[in-house]
Amino acid sequence: MRKTVIILLFAALFGCENPKMKNDRPTIKINFYEPIQSLLSKSTAPLSKNCNSDICFFGFDISSASPNKAVLTVESRNQAMVFDDVISAALMTYKSDTLSNSYVTLNGVAPNSEHELAMNYFSELLDKLRKAGWQRYIYPNEARISATESSKFKDVDEVLDTPVATGPWQDPTLGLDKNGWLSMPMFSNWLLYRDNEYLKVTVQRENDAQAPREKGSYLFTLTFRSEADFYKSFVDDEDRENWKALVPAELNRMAQERAQTEARLKKMGIAIDEDYQDPPIKALE
């Protein structure tokens, strides 16, 4: 783990940098409803292209020490968002001329910063996303447990001795104190949705070796996915292109699993967030 984090941080700090970007902030556009060539023409960041028969990958990296971090604009049908501290990004297409997913790393805080600085940055990031319309997503096979119930579980990311990916600890309304923050795994994810787009917010932390409870190094990554790309992950790889036909049955199976788990939790006195409803899948309507 330690070597992995160091390698990623090294890449972020000393990534590729074009001398031409010294005076102008490079820009990147993301929009799932616009052809990739149009997005590239609107972006000034040098996005390197790498393609095979199915996938095209357009990548960008810059040193976190550079004053000219990239400015990312995430456009949608409702509200655009702007991030002005991007140090790496990747735009990907799959058998089409439109985006399937995008990965973005934000500068966040300096290496070996006090944990409180990272906590504040993350809180502001979640608030920004909430104001832009992003909401918590819970996998259909996982219980709908709100942040207010998190203290009733002894292990983070486990419900009834089963690992979960979207439990109450991933409720963006949960205000973690320092002890709670440091109890989170070194890799922690929060899953959100807006309309028919999905977003995974990843916080990667390495505590300082000399003062692990005081300082750490961080990476903050945003993974944007189209509706199709997100739900293709619900089926086997070989069936991805037939996802529309297969996902409904999988969702029914997952709903039954959720119902069984929630029934057990209710008997234990755990409140279920009945107000949460799974987002509609527009491609299946």
Protein backbone atom coordinates (compact mmCIF):
# COMPACT_ATOMS: atom_id res chain seq x y z
CA MET A 1 0.00 0.00 0.00
CA ARG A 2 2.73 2.43 1.02
CA LYS A 3 4.63 1.96 -2.23
CA THR A 4 1.46 2.39 -4.28
CA VAL A 5 0.59 5.70 -2.62
CA ILE A 6 4.15 6.99 -2.95
CA ILE A 7 4.21 6.12 -6.66
CA LEU A 8 0.89 7.86 -7.28
CA LEU A 9 1.93 10.92 -5.34
CA PHE A 10 5.25 11.04 -7.18
CA ALA A 11 3.42 10.91 -10.51
CA ALA A 12 1.10 13.70 -9.44
CA LEU A 13 3.96 15.87 -8.21
CA PHE A 14 6.31 15.35 -11.12
CA GLY A 15 3.97 14.53 -13.97
CA CYS A 16 4.31 15.68 -17.53
CA GLU A 17 4.19 19.42 -18.03
CA ASN A 18 4.15 21.33 -21.30
CA PRO A 19 6.32 24.52 -21.23
CA LYS A 20 3.65 26.27 -23.29
CA MET A 21 1.29 26.11 -20.28
CA LYS A 22 3.44 28.40 -18.12
CA ASN A 23 1.32 31.48 -18.78
CA ASP A 24 -2.16 30.07 -19.49
CA ARG A 25 -4.33 27.85 -17.35
CA PRO A 26 -5.05 24.68 -19.34
CA THR A 27 -8.74 23.87 -19.64
CA ILE A 28 -10.64 20.59 -19.94
CA LYS A 29 -14.29 20.03 -20.80
CA ILE A 30 -16.40 17.03 -19.80
CA ASN A 31 -19.89 16.50 -21.21
CA PHE A 32 -21.53 13.10 -21.74
CA TYR A 33 -23.91 14.53 -24.35
CA GLU A 34 -21.33 16.04 -26.67
CA PRO A 35 -19.00 14.33 -29.20
CA ILE A 36 -15.46 13.82 -27.94
CA GLN A 37 -13.99 15.82 -30.82
CA SER A 38 -16.07 18.80 -29.80
CA LEU A 39 -14.82 18.51 -26.22
CA LEU A 40 -11.23 18.25 -27.40
CA SER A 41 -11.63 21.35 -29.56
CA LYS A 42 -12.91 23.29 -26.52
CA SER A 43 -10.06 22.09 -24.28
CA THR A 44 -6.67 23.79 -24.26
CA ALA A 45 -4.92 21.17 -22.11
CA PRO A 46 -2.60 18.89 -24.10
CA LEU A 47 -4.60 15.65 -23.97
CA SER A 48 -2.47 12.78 -25.22
CA LYS A 49 -4.37 10.22 -27.30
CA ASN A 50 -4.03 6.46 -26.98
CA CYS A 51 -6.49 4.14 -28.74
CA ASN A 52 -7.05 0.49 -29.51
CA SER A 53 -9.85 -1.08 -31.52
CA ASP A 54 -12.50 -0.30 -28.87
CA ILE A 55 -11.21 2.28 -26.42
CA CYS A 56 -9.73 5.75 -26.80
CA PHE A 57 -7.96 7.35 -23.85
CA PHE A 58 -7.19 11.08 -23.72
CA GLY A 59 -4.83 11.86 -20.84
CA PHE A 60 -3.43 14.92 -19.08
CA ASP A 61 -0.88 15.36 -16.27
CA ILE A 62 0.80 18.36 -14.68
CA SER A 63 3.03 18.84 -11.66
CA SER A 64 1.19 19.78 -8.48
CA ALA A 65 3.95 22.35 -7.97
CA SER A 66 2.88 24.21 -11.11
CA PRO A 67 0.86 27.41 -10.56
CA ASN A 68 -1.13 26.58 -13.68
CA LYS A 69 -3.37 23.74 -12.55
CA ALA A 70 -5.94 22.77 -15.14
CA VAL A 71 -9.45 24.19 -14.95
CA LEU A 72 -12.07 21.50 -15.47
CA THR A 73 -15.64 22.30 -16.50
CA VAL A 74 -18.13 19.46 -16.08
CA GLU A 75 -21.15 20.34 -18.20
CA SER A 76 -24.56 18.74 -17.93
CA ARG A 77 -28.16 19.34 -18.90
CA ASN A 78 -28.76 21.23 -15.67
CA GLN A 79 -25.79 22.84 -13.95
CA ALA A 80 -22.11 23.07 -14.82
CA MET A 81 -19.34 22.66 -12.25
CA VAL A 82 -15.84 24.10 -12.32
CA PHE A 83 -12.75 22.68 -10.59
CA ASP A 84 -9.62 24.83 -10.75
CA ASP A 85 -7.02 22.50 -9.21
CA VAL A 86 -6.82 19.55 -11.61
CA ILE A 87 -3.42 17.86 -11.86
CA SER A 88 -4.42 14.84 -13.96
CA ALA A 89 -7.36 13.72 -16.03
CA ALA A 90 -8.39 10.98 -18.43
CA LEU A 91 -11.32 11.07 -20.84
CA MET A 92 -12.36 7.70 -22.24
CA THR A 93 -14.63 6.56 -25.06
CA TYR A 94 -15.74 3.01 -25.79
CA LYS A 95 -16.84 2.03 -29.29
CA SER A 96 -18.37 5.46 -29.83
CA ASP A 97 -17.55 9.14 -30.24
CA THR A 98 -18.96 10.12 -26.83
CA LEU A 99 -17.55 9.79 -23.33
CA SER A 100 -18.12 6.63 -21.34
CA ASN A 101 -16.19 7.74 -18.25
CA SER A 102 -13.65 10.27 -17.02
CA TYR A 103 -11.09 10.24 -14.20
CA VAL A 104 -9.95 13.47 -12.59
CA THR A 105 -7.39 13.99 -9.81
CA LEU A 106 -7.57 17.21 -7.83
CA ASN A 107 -4.60 18.84 -6.16
CA GLY A 108 -6.47 18.96 -2.86
CA VAL A 109 -3.86 19.63 -0.18
CA ALA A 110 -0.06 19.62 -0.17
CA PRO A 111 1.75 16.38 0.64
CA ASN A 112 2.18 15.71 4.35
CA SER A 113 -0.54 18.18 5.34
CA GLU A 114 -2.41 18.21 8.62
CA HIS A 115 -5.40 15.90 8.46
CA GLU A 116 -7.73 18.78 9.32
CA LEU A 117 -6.81 20.52 6.05
CA ALA A 118 -7.78 17.43 4.06
CA MET A 119 -10.99 17.07 6.04
CA ASN A 120 -11.96 20.68 5.29
CA TYR A 121 -11.13 20.28 1.61
CA PHE A 122 -13.24 17.14 1.39
CA SER A 123 -16.15 18.77 3.21
CA GLU A 124 -16.07 21.72 0.82
CA LEU A 125 -15.89 19.35 -2.15
CA LEU A 126 -18.98 17.43 -1.03
CA ASP A 127 -20.82 20.69 -0.39
CA LYS A 128 -19.97 21.87 -3.89
CA LEU A 129 -21.26 18.65 -5.40
CA ARG A 130 -24.45 18.78 -3.35
CA LYS A 131 -25.18 22.33 -4.49
CA ALA A 132 -24.69 21.17 -8.08
CA GLY A 133 -27.39 18.52 -7.66
CA TRP A 134 -25.40 15.39 -6.84
CA GLN A 135 -27.10 12.98 -4.41
CA ARG A 136 -26.09 9.90 -2.49
CA TYR A 137 -26.35 6.59 -4.34
CA ILE A 138 -26.91 3.27 -2.56
CA TYR A 139 -26.37 0.00 -4.40
CA PRO A 140 -29.72 -1.79 -4.89
CA ASN A 141 -28.60 -4.81 -2.86
CA GLU A 142 -27.43 -2.76 0.13
CA ALA A 143 -29.57 -1.52 3.01
CA ARG A 144 -30.70 2.10 3.00
CA ILE A 145 -29.03 3.26 6.20
CA SER A 146 -28.52 6.95 6.87
CA ALA A 147 -25.51 8.58 8.48
CA THR A 148 -27.39 8.96 11.78
CA GLU A 149 -27.25 5.17 12.28
CA SER A 150 -23.52 4.76 11.60
CA SER A 151 -22.56 4.75 15.28
CA LYS A 152 -24.64 1.60 15.81
CA PHE A 153 -22.17 -0.48 13.78
CA LYS A 154 -18.86 -1.60 15.24
CA ASP A 155 -16.95 -1.99 11.96
CA VAL A 156 -16.65 0.60 9.21
CA ASP A 157 -17.91 -0.59 5.82
CA GLU A 158 -19.60 -3.71 7.23
CA VAL A 159 -23.28 -4.40 7.81
CA LEU A 160 -24.26 -7.70 9.42
CA ASP A 161 -20.67 -8.91 9.01
CA THR A 162 -20.85 -8.31 5.26
CA PRO A 163 -18.69 -5.73 3.43
CA VAL A 164 -20.68 -2.89 1.87
CA ALA A 165 -19.68 -0.16 -0.57
CA THR A 166 -22.43 2.39 0.06
CA GLY A 167 -23.17 2.08 3.76
CA PRO A 168 -23.96 4.89 6.23
CA TRP A 169 -20.29 5.93 6.30
CA GLN A 170 -20.66 6.88 2.62
CA ASP A 171 -23.62 9.15 3.32
CA PRO A 172 -22.27 12.60 2.31
CA THR A 173 -24.23 14.18 5.16
CA LEU A 174 -22.08 12.34 7.71
CA GLY A 175 -19.85 14.86 9.45
CA LEU A 176 -16.74 12.91 10.39
CA ASP A 177 -14.65 14.12 13.32
CA LYS A 178 -10.91 13.47 13.26
CA ASN A 179 -11.20 10.06 14.92
CA GLY A 180 -13.88 9.03 12.45
CA TRP A 181 -11.84 10.34 9.54
CA LEU A 182 -8.75 8.39 10.56
CA SER A 183 -10.82 5.24 11.11
CA MET A 184 -11.83 5.25 7.44
CA PRO A 185 -9.87 2.91 5.13
CA MET A 186 -6.82 4.22 3.30
CA PHE A 187 -8.97 4.09 0.14
CA SER A 188 -12.49 5.41 0.75
CA ASN A 189 -15.23 5.96 -1.84
CA TRP A 190 -18.45 7.95 -1.89
CA LEU A 191 -20.95 7.20 -4.69
CA LEU A 192 -23.28 9.89 -6.03
CA TYR A 193 -25.66 10.38 -8.95
CA ARG A 194 -27.22 13.26 -10.83
CA ASP A 195 -29.83 12.63 -13.51
CA ASN A 196 -28.36 9.74 -15.51
CA GLU A 197 -24.73 10.34 -14.58
CA TYR A 198 -22.77 8.71 -11.75
CA LEU A 199 -19.79 9.87 -9.75
CA LYS A 200 -17.37 8.13 -7.43
CA VAL A 201 -15.38 10.38 -5.10
CA THR A 202 -12.23 8.63 -3.89
CA VAL A 203 -10.01 9.77 -1.04
CA GLN A 204 -6.64 8.03 -0.85
CA ARG A 205 -4.70 8.67 2.36
CA GLU A 206 -1.24 7.75 3.59
CA ASN A 207 -0.57 8.75 7.18
CA ASP A 208 2.78 10.33 7.93
CA ALA A 209 5.21 7.74 9.34
CA GLN A 210 6.44 10.04 12.11
CA ALA A 211 3.10 11.63 13.09
CA PRO A 212 0.34 9.36 11.71
CA ARG A 213 -2.45 11.02 13.66
CA GLU A 214 -1.36 14.54 12.79
CA LYS A 215 -0.39 14.55 9.11
CA GLY A 216 -0.83 12.64 5.88
CA SER A 217 -0.60 12.75 2.10
CA TYR A 218 -3.76 12.62 0.01
CA LEU A 219 -5.17 12.11 -3.45
CA PHE A 220 -8.72 13.20 -4.29
CA THR A 221 -10.12 11.55 -7.43
CA LEU A 222 -13.44 12.04 -9.21
CA THR A 223 -14.65 9.28 -11.52
CA PHE A 224 -17.55 10.36 -13.72
CA ARG A 225 -19.49 7.62 -15.53
CA SER A 226 -22.31 7.62 -18.00
CA GLU A 227 -25.45 5.72 -17.12
CA ALA A 228 -24.63 2.96 -19.61
CA ASP A 229 -21.07 2.54 -18.40
CA PHE A 230 -22.22 2.42 -14.77
CA TYR A 231 -24.90 -0.25 -15.22
CA LYS A 232 -22.77 -2.36 -17.54
CA SER A 233 -20.73 -3.13 -14.41
CA PHE A 234 -23.79 -4.92 -12.98
CA VAL A 235 -23.36 -7.79 -15.46
CA ASP A 236 -20.48 -10.04 -16.50
CA ASP A 237 -17.86 -8.51 -18.79
CA GLU A 238 -18.85 -10.70 -21.71
CA ASP A 239 -22.46 -9.50 -21.40
CA ARG A 240 -21.78 -5.78 -21.13
CA GLU A 241 -23.17 -4.90 -24.55
CA ASN A 242 -26.41 -6.71 -23.69
CA TRP A 243 -26.81 -4.89 -20.36
CA LYS A 244 -30.24 -3.41 -21.11
CA ALA A 245 -31.75 -6.89 -21.40
CA LEU A 246 -29.94 -8.35 -18.40
CA VAL A 247 -29.89 -5.56 -15.81
CA PRO A 248 -33.64 -5.65 -14.92
CA ALA A 249 -33.39 -9.23 -13.65
CA GLU A 250 -30.21 -8.37 -11.74
CA LEU A 251 -31.91 -5.38 -10.15
CA ASN A 252 -34.79 -7.61 -8.99
CA ARG A 253 -32.31 -10.01 -7.40
CA MET A 254 -30.52 -7.15 -5.70
CA ALA A 255 -33.81 -5.68 -4.44
CA GLN A 256 -34.65 -9.00 -2.77
CA GLU A 257 -31.25 -9.04 -1.08
CA ARG A 258 -31.80 -5.49 0.18
CA ALA A 259 -35.27 -6.35 1.52
CA GLN A 260 -33.93 -9.32 3.48
CA THR A 261 -31.10 -7.27 4.99
CA GLU A 262 -33.37 -4.37 5.90
CA ALA A 263 -35.86 -6.74 7.59
CA ARG A 264 -33.08 -8.10 9.79
CA LEU A 265 -31.82 -4.60 10.62
CA LYS A 266 -35.30 -3.40 11.61
CA LYS A 267 -35.56 -6.23 14.13
CA MET A 268 -32.26 -5.02 15.60
CA GLY A 269 -33.58 -1.47 15.99
CA ILE A 270 -31.69 0.01 13.03
CA ALA A 271 -33.72 2.67 11.22
CA ILE A 272 -34.10 2.32 7.45
CA ASP A 273 -34.17 5.41 5.25
CA GLU A 274 -37.51 4.73 3.55
CA ASP A 275 -37.31 8.09 1.75
CA TYR A 276 -34.39 6.92 -0.36
CA GLN A 277 -35.51 5.65 -3.76
CA ASP A 278 -33.30 4.13 -6.43
CA PRO A 279 -32.76 6.53 -9.32
CA PRO A 280 -34.62 5.71 -12.54
CA ILE A 281 -32.57 4.24 -15.35
CA LYS A 282 -33.48 6.38 -18.32
CA ALA A 283 -32.20 3.88 -20.89
CA LEU A 284 -34.69 1.31 -19.59
CA GLU A 285 -37.73 3.59 -19.53
